[in-house]
């Protein structure tokens, strides 16, 4: 709400002074994260990590099923049954811990990728703004933009510039 009030006050003060020439360009950072080459690469890596985790959990669950089958054997001694039950309890906890740890690791990796991309893109946008002599470029969702003329959306230009720099 404060951003919207500040933005409206800003437009009233500066918009009236140069009403005909005042233009604010905007970018959609989420679109840049999703559609840039580096963003797609990061998404692919993260999806690969998720698949690896799912496969490992599946293997762990299979081990649990195998232990359950072994426990149902009538030829197990009391001592062997107790050992198998202890193993089973441990194996039951392992996938849960592994899944929690993996989620945290993947979330951390996602934050790292996102931070790096945003950091790179912000630098690129600052350079682009200076080169093109643009007074303001805002992030569409952070600026609270409700409606804007698409001709002032430079997201696709920024994605192309970013992709050309990354190659």
Foldseek 3Di string as FASTA:
>chain_A
DVLQVVVVVVCVVPCVVCVPPADEFEEALVCLLCPFPLNVVLVVVLVVLVVVLVVVLVVLVVVLVVLVVVLVDPPDDPVRNVVSVVVNVVSVVVNVVSVVVSVVVSVVSVVVSSVVSVVVLVVVVVVVCVVVVHPHYYYCVVSVPPDDDCVSYCHVVSSVVVNVVVD
